[in-house]
PDB file of all heavy atoms in Angstrom:
ATOM      1  N   PHE A   1      -2.474  18.208  -6.346  1.00  0.00           N
ATOM      2  CA  PHE A   1      -2.255  17.549  -7.634  1.00  0.00           C
ATOM      3  C   PHE A   1      -1.621  16.164  -7.426  1.00  0.00           C
ATOM      4  O   PHE A   1      -1.725  15.301  -8.290  1.00  0.00           O
ATOM      5  CB  PHE A   1      -1.326  18.388  -8.514  1.00  0.00           C
ATOM      6  CG  PHE A   1      -1.957  19.630  -9.082  1.00  0.00           C
ATOM      7  CD1 PHE A   1      -1.730  20.867  -8.511  1.00  0.00           C
ATOM      8  CD2 PHE A   1      -2.776  19.560 -10.196  1.00  0.00           C
ATOM      9  CE1 PHE A   1      -2.312  22.011  -9.031  1.00  0.00           C
ATOM     10  CE2 PHE A   1      -3.374  20.694 -10.727  1.00  0.00           C
ATOM     11  CZ  PHE A   1      -3.139  21.928 -10.150  1.00  0.00           C
ATOM     12  N   GLN A   2      -0.957  16.006  -6.306  1.00  0.00           N
ATOM     13  CA  GLN A   2      -0.150  14.801  -6.094  1.00  0.00           C
ATOM     14  C   GLN A   2      -1.005  13.546  -5.902  1.00  0.00           C
ATOM     15  O   GLN A   2      -0.746  12.518  -6.536  1.00  0.00           O
ATOM     16  CB  GLN A   2       0.769  15.002  -4.883  1.00  0.00           C
ATOM     17  CG  GLN A   2       1.763  13.871  -4.665  1.00  0.00           C
ATOM     18  CD  GLN A   2       2.927  14.319  -3.799  1.00  0.00           C
ATOM     19  OE1 GLN A   2       3.441  15.412  -3.978  1.00  0.00           O
ATOM     20  NE2 GLN A   2       3.336  13.480  -2.872  1.00  0.00           N
ATOM     21  N   GLU A   3      -2.013  13.630  -5.055  1.00  0.00           N
ATOM     22  CA  GLU A   3      -2.822  12.446  -4.744  1.00  0.00           C
ATOM     23  C   GLU A   3      -3.510  11.869  -5.989  1.00  0.00           C
ATOM     24  O   GLU A   3      -3.436  10.659  -6.226  1.00  0.00           O
ATOM     25  CB  GLU A   3      -3.847  12.793  -3.667  1.00  0.00           C
ATOM     26  CG  GLU A   3      -4.704  11.627  -3.211  1.00  0.00           C
ATOM     27  CD  GLU A   3      -3.904  10.568  -2.461  1.00  0.00           C
ATOM     28  OE1 GLU A   3      -2.857  10.921  -1.860  1.00  0.00           O
ATOM     29  OE2 GLU A   3      -4.319   9.396  -2.482  1.00  0.00           O
ATOM     30  N   PRO A   4      -4.193  12.700  -6.826  1.00  0.00           N
ATOM     31  CA  PRO A   4      -4.856  12.132  -8.010  1.00  0.00           C
ATOM     32  C   PRO A   4      -3.877  11.552  -9.032  1.00  0.00           C
ATOM     33  O   PRO A   4      -4.249  10.648  -9.791  1.00  0.00           O
ATOM     34  CB  PRO A   4      -5.606  13.333  -8.603  1.00  0.00           C
ATOM     35  CG  PRO A   4      -5.772  14.279  -7.462  1.00  0.00           C
ATOM     36  CD  PRO A   4      -4.520  14.121  -6.653  1.00  0.00           C
ATOM     37  N   LEU A   5      -2.642  12.078  -9.077  1.00  0.00           N
ATOM     38  CA  LEU A   5      -1.664  11.589 -10.051  1.00  0.00           C
ATOM     39  C   LEU A   5      -0.896  10.364  -9.552  1.00  0.00           C
ATOM     40  O   LEU A   5      -0.220   9.686 -10.329  1.00  0.00           O
ATOM     41  CB  LEU A   5      -0.666  12.695 -10.407  1.00  0.00           C
ATOM     42  CG  LEU A   5      -1.229  13.886 -11.190  1.00  0.00           C
ATOM     43  CD1 LEU A   5      -0.192  15.004 -11.276  1.00  0.00           C
ATOM     44  CD2 LEU A   5      -1.645  13.457 -12.595  1.00  0.00           C
ATOM     45  N   LYS A   6      -1.015  10.100  -8.264  1.00  0.00           N
ATOM     46  CA  LYS A   6      -0.203   9.043  -7.652  1.00  0.00           C
ATOM     47  C   LYS A   6      -0.471   7.665  -8.260  1.00  0.00           C
ATOM     48  O   LYS A   6       0.449   6.874  -8.487  1.00  0.00           O
ATOM     49  CB  LYS A   6      -0.461   9.018  -6.145  1.00  0.00           C
ATOM     50  CG  LYS A   6       0.513   8.157  -5.356  1.00  0.00           C
ATOM     51  CD  LYS A   6       0.322   8.395  -3.860  1.00  0.00           C
ATOM     52  CE  LYS A   6      -1.062   7.996  -3.408  1.00  0.00           C
ATOM     53  NZ  LYS A   6      -1.235   8.162  -1.952  1.00  0.00           N
ATOM     54  N   ASN A   7      -1.731   7.379  -8.548  1.00  0.00           N
ATOM     55  CA  ASN A   7      -2.077   6.064  -9.087  1.00  0.00           C
ATOM     56  C   ASN A   7      -1.456   5.815 -10.461  1.00  0.00           C
ATOM     57  O   ASN A   7      -1.069   4.688 -10.785  1.00  0.00           O
ATOM     58  CB  ASN A   7      -3.600   5.911  -9.172  1.00  0.00           C
ATOM     59  CG  ASN A   7      -4.246   5.804  -7.809  1.00  0.00           C
ATOM     60  OD1 ASN A   7      -3.597   5.410  -6.842  1.00  0.00           O
ATOM     61  ND2 ASN A   7      -5.517   6.163  -7.722  1.00  0.00           N
ATOM     62  N   ILE A   8      -1.377   6.885 -11.273  1.00  0.00           N
ATOM     63  CA  ILE A   8      -0.770   6.743 -12.601  1.00  0.00           C
ATOM     64  C   ILE A   8       0.683   6.303 -12.467  1.00  0.00           C
ATOM     65  O   ILE A   8       1.153   5.399 -13.160  1.00  0.00           O
ATOM     66  CB  ILE A   8      -0.871   8.071 -13.387  1.00  0.00           C
ATOM     67  CG1 ILE A   8      -2.328   8.441 -13.640  1.00  0.00           C
ATOM     68  CG2 ILE A   8      -0.098   7.984 -14.706  1.00  0.00           C
ATOM     69  CD1 ILE A   8      -2.522   9.801 -14.257  1.00  0.00           C
ATOM     70  N   PHE A   9       1.399   6.950 -11.551  1.00  0.00           N
ATOM     71  CA  PHE A   9       2.824   6.656 -11.396  1.00  0.00           C
ATOM     72  C   PHE A   9       3.064   5.355 -10.634  1.00  0.00           C
ATOM     73  O   PHE A   9       4.069   4.683 -10.855  1.00  0.00           O
ATOM     74  CB  PHE A   9       3.518   7.830 -10.723  1.00  0.00           C
ATOM     75  CG  PHE A   9       3.608   9.031 -11.605  1.00  0.00           C
ATOM     76  CD1 PHE A   9       2.666  10.040 -11.538  1.00  0.00           C
ATOM     77  CD2 PHE A   9       4.617   9.146 -12.539  1.00  0.00           C
ATOM     78  CE1 PHE A   9       2.730  11.134 -12.360  1.00  0.00           C
ATOM     79  CE2 PHE A   9       4.693  10.241 -13.372  1.00  0.00           C
ATOM     80  CZ  PHE A   9       3.749  11.246 -13.293  1.00  0.00           C
ATOM     81  N   SER A  10       2.131   5.000  -9.763  1.00  0.00           N
ATOM     82  CA  SER A  10       2.240   3.707  -9.081  1.00  0.00           C
ATOM     83  C   SER A  10       2.159   2.576 -10.094  1.00  0.00           C
ATOM     84  O   SER A  10       2.906   1.585 -10.019  1.00  0.00           O
ATOM     85  CB  SER A  10       1.124   3.555  -8.045  1.00  0.00           C
ATOM     86  OG  SER A  10       1.274   4.492  -7.004  1.00  0.00           O
ATOM     87  N   LEU A  11       1.262   2.727 -11.074  1.00  0.00           N
ATOM     88  CA  LEU A  11       1.111   1.721 -12.120  1.00  0.00           C
ATOM     89  C   LEU A  11       2.372   1.623 -12.971  1.00  0.00           C
ATOM     90  O   LEU A  11       2.844   0.533 -13.299  1.00  0.00           O
ATOM     91  CB  LEU A  11      -0.100   2.071 -12.998  1.00  0.00           C
ATOM     92  CG  LEU A  11      -0.428   1.101 -14.140  1.00  0.00           C
ATOM     93  CD1 LEU A  11      -0.811  -0.268 -13.572  1.00  0.00           C
ATOM     94  CD2 LEU A  11      -1.557   1.651 -14.999  1.00  0.00           C
ATOM     95  N   ALA A  12       2.948   2.790 -13.313  1.00  0.00           N
ATOM     96  CA  ALA A  12       4.157   2.801 -14.139  1.00  0.00           C
ATOM     97  C   ALA A  12       5.362   2.233 -13.391  1.00  0.00           C
ATOM     98  O   ALA A  12       6.221   1.566 -13.979  1.00  0.00           O
ATOM     99  CB  ALA A  12       4.453   4.228 -14.595  1.00  0.00           C
ATOM    100  N   LEU A  13       5.400   2.489 -12.075  1.00  0.00           N
ATOM    101  CA  LEU A  13       6.538   2.054 -11.267  1.00  0.00           C
ATOM    102  C   LEU A  13       6.420   0.589 -10.850  1.00  0.00           C
ATOM    103  O   LEU A  13       7.426  -0.065 -10.577  1.00  0.00           O
ATOM    104  CB  LEU A  13       6.640   2.939 -10.023  1.00  0.00           C
ATOM    105  CG  LEU A  13       7.909   2.848  -9.182  1.00  0.00           C
ATOM    106  CD1 LEU A  13       9.130   3.249 -10.000  1.00  0.00           C
ATOM    107  CD2 LEU A  13       7.799   3.730  -7.949  1.00  0.00           C
ATOM    108  N   GLY A  14       5.202   0.097 -10.815  1.00  0.00           N
ATOM    109  CA  GLY A  14       4.998  -1.295 -10.413  1.00  0.00           C
ATOM    110  C   GLY A  14       4.881  -1.480  -8.921  1.00  0.00           C
ATOM    111  O   GLY A  14       4.946  -2.601  -8.404  1.00  0.00           O
ATOM    112  N   ARG A  15       4.724  -0.393  -8.196  1.00  0.00           N
ATOM    113  CA  ARG A  15       4.515  -0.473  -6.747  1.00  0.00           C
ATOM    114  C   ARG A  15       3.701   0.737  -6.309  1.00  0.00           C
ATOM    115  O   ARG A  15       3.681   1.769  -6.980  1.00  0.00           O
ATOM    116  CB  ARG A  15       5.853  -0.509  -5.995  1.00  0.00           C
ATOM    117  CG  ARG A  15       6.692   0.743  -6.109  1.00  0.00           C
ATOM    118  CD  ARG A  15       7.968   0.653  -5.279  1.00  0.00           C
ATOM    119  NE  ARG A  15       8.832   1.810  -5.463  1.00  0.00           N
ATOM    120  CZ  ARG A  15       8.706   2.952  -4.795  1.00  0.00           C
ATOM    121  NH1 ARG A  15       7.747   3.094  -3.905  1.00  0.00           N
ATOM    122  NH2 ARG A  15       9.546   3.952  -5.014  1.00  0.00           N
ATOM    123  N   GLN A  16       3.033   0.622  -5.176  1.00  0.00           N
ATOM    124  CA  GLN A  16       2.176   1.697  -4.689  1.00  0.00           C
ATOM    125  C   GLN A  16       3.014   2.808  -4.063  1.00  0.00           C
ATOM    126  O   GLN A  16       3.793   2.556  -3.139  1.00  0.00           O
ATOM    127  CB  GLN A  16       1.177   1.162  -3.657  1.00  0.00           C
ATOM    128  CG  GLN A  16       0.156   2.182  -3.184  1.00  0.00           C
ATOM    129  CD  GLN A  16      -0.769   2.648  -4.297  1.00  0.00           C
ATOM    130  OE1 GLN A  16      -1.164   1.860  -5.148  1.00  0.00           O
ATOM    131  NE2 GLN A  16      -1.115   3.915  -4.281  1.00  0.00           N
ATOM    132  N   LEU A  17       2.858   4.028  -4.572  1.00  0.00           N
ATOM    133  CA  LEU A  17       3.557   5.177  -3.987  1.00  0.00           C
ATOM    134  C   LEU A  17       2.813   5.640  -2.746  1.00  0.00           C
ATOM    135  O   LEU A  17       1.582   5.568  -2.665  1.00  0.00           O
ATOM    136  CB  LEU A  17       3.626   6.324  -4.994  1.00  0.00           C
ATOM    137  CG  LEU A  17       4.578   6.145  -6.185  1.00  0.00           C
ATOM    138  CD1 LEU A  17       4.310   7.209  -7.232  1.00  0.00           C
ATOM    139  CD2 LEU A  17       6.027   6.216  -5.742  1.00  0.00           C
ATOM    140  N   THR A  18       3.539   6.146  -1.777  1.00  0.00           N
ATOM    141  CA  THR A  18       2.943   6.702  -0.560  1.00  0.00           C
ATOM    142  C   THR A  18       3.139   8.205  -0.555  1.00  0.00           C
ATOM    143  O   THR A  18       3.960   8.749  -1.299  1.00  0.00           O
ATOM    144  CB  THR A  18       3.599   6.100   0.700  1.00  0.00           C
ATOM    145  OG1 THR A  18       4.988   6.454   0.721  1.00  0.00           O
ATOM    146  CG2 THR A  18       3.467   4.583   0.693  1.00  0.00           C
ATOM    147  N   ASN A  19       2.369   8.905   0.291  1.00  0.00           N
ATOM    148  CA  ASN A  19       2.470  10.361   0.354  1.00  0.00           C
ATOM    149  C   ASN A  19       3.853  10.831   0.789  1.00  0.00           C
ATOM    150  O   ASN A  19       4.280  11.924   0.461  1.00  0.00           O
ATOM    151  CB  ASN A  19       1.409  10.918   1.312  1.00  0.00           C
ATOM    152  CG  ASN A  19       0.019  10.808   0.729  1.00  0.00           C
ATOM    153  OD1 ASN A  19      -0.136  10.773  -0.489  1.00  0.00           O
ATOM    154  ND2 ASN A  19      -0.980  10.719   1.584  1.00  0.00           N
ATOM    155  N   GLY A  20       4.564  10.004   1.535  1.00  0.00           N
ATOM    156  CA  GLY A  20       5.887  10.399   2.007  1.00  0.00           C
ATOM    157  C   GLY A  20       7.017   9.961   1.102  1.00  0.00           C
ATOM    158  O   GLY A  20       8.188  10.104   1.452  1.00  0.00           O
ATOM    159  N   ASP A  21       6.677   9.429  -0.070  1.00  0.00           N
ATOM    160  CA  ASP A  21       7.705   8.940  -0.990  1.00  0.00           C
ATOM    161  C   ASP A  21       8.459  10.114  -1.598  1.00  0.00           C
ATOM    162  O   ASP A  21       7.895  10.918  -2.348  1.00  0.00           O
ATOM    163  CB  ASP A  21       7.058   8.096  -2.087  1.00  0.00           C
ATOM    164  CG  ASP A  21       8.066   7.206  -2.804  1.00  0.00           C
ATOM    165  OD1 ASP A  21       9.183   7.692  -3.062  1.00  0.00           O
ATOM    166  OD2 ASP A  21       7.741   6.045  -3.081  1.00  0.00           O
ATOM    167  N   ALA A  22       9.750  10.215  -1.283  1.00  0.00           N
ATOM    168  CA  ALA A  22      10.556  11.353  -1.732  1.00  0.00           C
ATOM    169  C   ALA A  22      10.818  11.327  -3.232  1.00  0.00           C
ATOM    170  O   ALA A  22      11.222  12.337  -3.810  1.00  0.00           O
ATOM    171  CB  ALA A  22      11.885  11.374  -0.980  1.00  0.00           C
ATOM    172  N   SER A  23      10.592  10.183  -3.874  1.00  0.00           N
ATOM    173  CA  SER A  23      10.871  10.086  -5.312  1.00  0.00           C
ATOM    174  C   SER A  23       9.739  10.662  -6.164  1.00  0.00           C
ATOM    175  O   SER A  23       9.871  10.783  -7.378  1.00  0.00           O
ATOM    176  CB  SER A  23      11.101   8.619  -5.703  1.00  0.00           C
ATOM    177  OG  SER A  23       9.908   7.866  -5.511  1.00  0.00           O
ATOM    178  N   PHE A  24       8.617  11.024  -5.523  1.00  0.00           N
ATOM    179  CA  PHE A  24       7.459  11.524  -6.266  1.00  0.00           C
ATOM    180  C   PHE A  24       7.004  12.855  -5.673  1.00  0.00           C
ATOM    181  O   PHE A  24       6.659  12.946  -4.506  1.00  0.00           O
ATOM    182  CB  PHE A  24       6.322  10.505  -6.207  1.00  0.00           C
ATOM    183  CG  PHE A  24       5.074  10.949  -6.916  1.00  0.00           C
ATOM    184  CD1 PHE A  24       5.080  11.184  -8.278  1.00  0.00           C
ATOM    185  CD2 PHE A  24       3.890  11.121  -6.212  1.00  0.00           C
ATOM    186  CE1 PHE A  24       3.929  11.590  -8.938  1.00  0.00           C
ATOM    187  CE2 PHE A  24       2.738  11.532  -6.863  1.00  0.00           C
ATOM    188  CZ  PHE A  24       2.757  11.762  -8.228  1.00  0.00           C
ATOM    189  N   MET A  25       7.025  13.914  -6.509  1.00  0.00           N
ATOM    190  CA  MET A  25       6.640  15.237  -6.035  1.00  0.00           C
ATOM    191  C   MET A  25       5.998  16.016  -7.177  1.00  0.00           C
ATOM    192  O   MET A  25       6.450  15.958  -8.322  1.00  0.00           O
ATOM    193  CB  MET A  25       7.865  15.997  -5.520  1.00  0.00           C
ATOM    194  CG  MET A  25       7.544  17.373  -4.931  1.00  0.00           C
ATOM    195  SD  MET A  25       9.051  18.221  -4.375  1.00  0.00           S
ATOM    196  CE  MET A  25       9.645  17.079  -3.140  1.00  0.00           C
ATOM    197  N   VAL A  26       4.917  16.752  -6.862  1.00  0.00           N
ATOM    198  CA  VAL A  26       4.215  17.562  -7.860  1.00  0.00           C
ATOM    199  C   VAL A  26       4.154  19.000  -7.349  1.00  0.00           C
ATOM    200  O   VAL A  26       3.719  19.245  -6.222  1.00  0.00           O
ATOM    201  CB  VAL A  26       2.786  17.041  -8.121  1.00  0.00           C
ATOM    202  CG1 VAL A  26       2.100  17.885  -9.189  1.00  0.00           C
ATOM    203  CG2 VAL A  26       2.820  15.575  -8.531  1.00  0.00           C
ATOM    204  N   GLN A  27       4.571  19.961  -8.189  1.00  0.00           N
ATOM    205  CA  GLN A  27       4.578  21.380  -7.795  1.00  0.00           C
ATOM    206  C   GLN A  27       3.992  22.247  -8.902  1.00  0.00           C
ATOM    207  O   GLN A  27       4.229  22.000 -10.085  1.00  0.00           O
ATOM    208  CB  GLN A  27       6.005  21.847  -7.504  1.00  0.00           C
ATOM    209  CG  GLN A  27       6.623  21.278  -6.241  1.00  0.00           C
ATOM    210  CD  GLN A  27       8.016  21.826  -6.021  1.00  0.00           C
ATOM    211  OE1 GLN A  27       8.871  21.772  -6.916  1.00  0.00           O
ATOM    212  NE2 GLN A  27       8.265  22.361  -4.837  1.00  0.00           N
ATOM    213  N   MET A  28       3.232  23.274  -8.483  1.00  0.00           N
ATOM    214  CA  MET A  28       2.785  24.300  -9.421  1.00  0.00           C
ATOM    215  C   MET A  28       3.794  25.448  -9.406  1.00  0.00           C
ATOM    216  O   MET A  28       4.207  25.909  -8.339  1.00  0.00           O
ATOM    217  CB  MET A  28       1.401  24.828  -9.040  1.00  0.00           C
ATOM    218  CG  MET A  28       0.950  26.005  -9.895  1.00  0.00           C
ATOM    219  SD  MET A  28      -0.565  26.784  -9.297  1.00  0.00           S
ATOM    220  CE  MET A  28      -1.771  25.619  -9.891  1.00  0.00           C
ATOM    221  N   LYS A  29       4.175  25.921 -10.602  1.00  0.00           N
ATOM    222  CA  LYS A  29       5.172  26.994 -10.693  1.00  0.00           C
ATOM    223  C   LYS A  29       4.779  27.999 -11.772  1.00  0.00           C
ATOM    224  O   LYS A  29       3.935  27.733 -12.625  1.00  0.00           O
ATOM    225  CB  LYS A  29       6.554  26.412 -11.014  1.00  0.00           C
ATOM    226  CG  LYS A  29       7.151  25.555  -9.907  1.00  0.00           C
ATOM    227  CD  LYS A  29       8.600  25.198 -10.220  1.00  0.00           C
ATOM    228  CE  LYS A  29       9.274  24.520  -9.039  1.00  0.00           C
ATOM    229  NZ  LYS A  29      10.704  24.261  -9.299  1.00  0.00           N
ATOM    230  N   ASP A  30       5.430  29.171 -11.706  1.00  0.00           N
ATOM    231  CA  ASP A  30       5.369  30.183 -12.779  1.00  0.00           C
ATOM    232  C   ASP A  30       3.945  30.602 -13.133  1.00  0.00           C
ATOM    233  O   ASP A  30       3.583  30.688 -14.319  1.00  0.00           O
ATOM    234  CB  ASP A  30       6.073  29.671 -14.051  1.00  0.00           C
ATOM    235  CG  ASP A  30       7.489  29.205 -13.774  1.00  0.00           C
ATOM    236  OD1 ASP A  30       8.173  29.868 -12.982  1.00  0.00           O
ATOM    237  OD2 ASP A  30       7.907  28.186 -14.350  1.00  0.00           O
ATOM    238  N   LEU A  31       3.120  30.891 -12.127  1.00  0.00           N
ATOM    239  CA  LEU A  31       1.760  31.354 -12.402  1.00  0.00           C
ATOM    240  C   LEU A  31       1.813  32.761 -12.996  1.00  0.00           C
ATOM    241  O   LEU A  31       2.444  33.657 -12.455  1.00  0.00           O
ATOM    242  CB  LEU A  31       0.939  31.367 -11.113  1.00  0.00           C
ATOM    243  CG  LEU A  31      -0.503  31.851 -11.243  1.00  0.00           C
ATOM    244  CD1 LEU A  31      -1.325  30.896 -12.107  1.00  0.00           C
ATOM    245  CD2 LEU A  31      -1.148  32.008  -9.870  1.00  0.00           C
TER     246      LEU A  31
END
């Protein structure tokens, strides 16, 4: 889920997020 959502948040943040960026994380929970 993280890679496809990364561009949305990069645009909002004003800089390109990387896969190792600790400030951005996506998790699936409570299935």
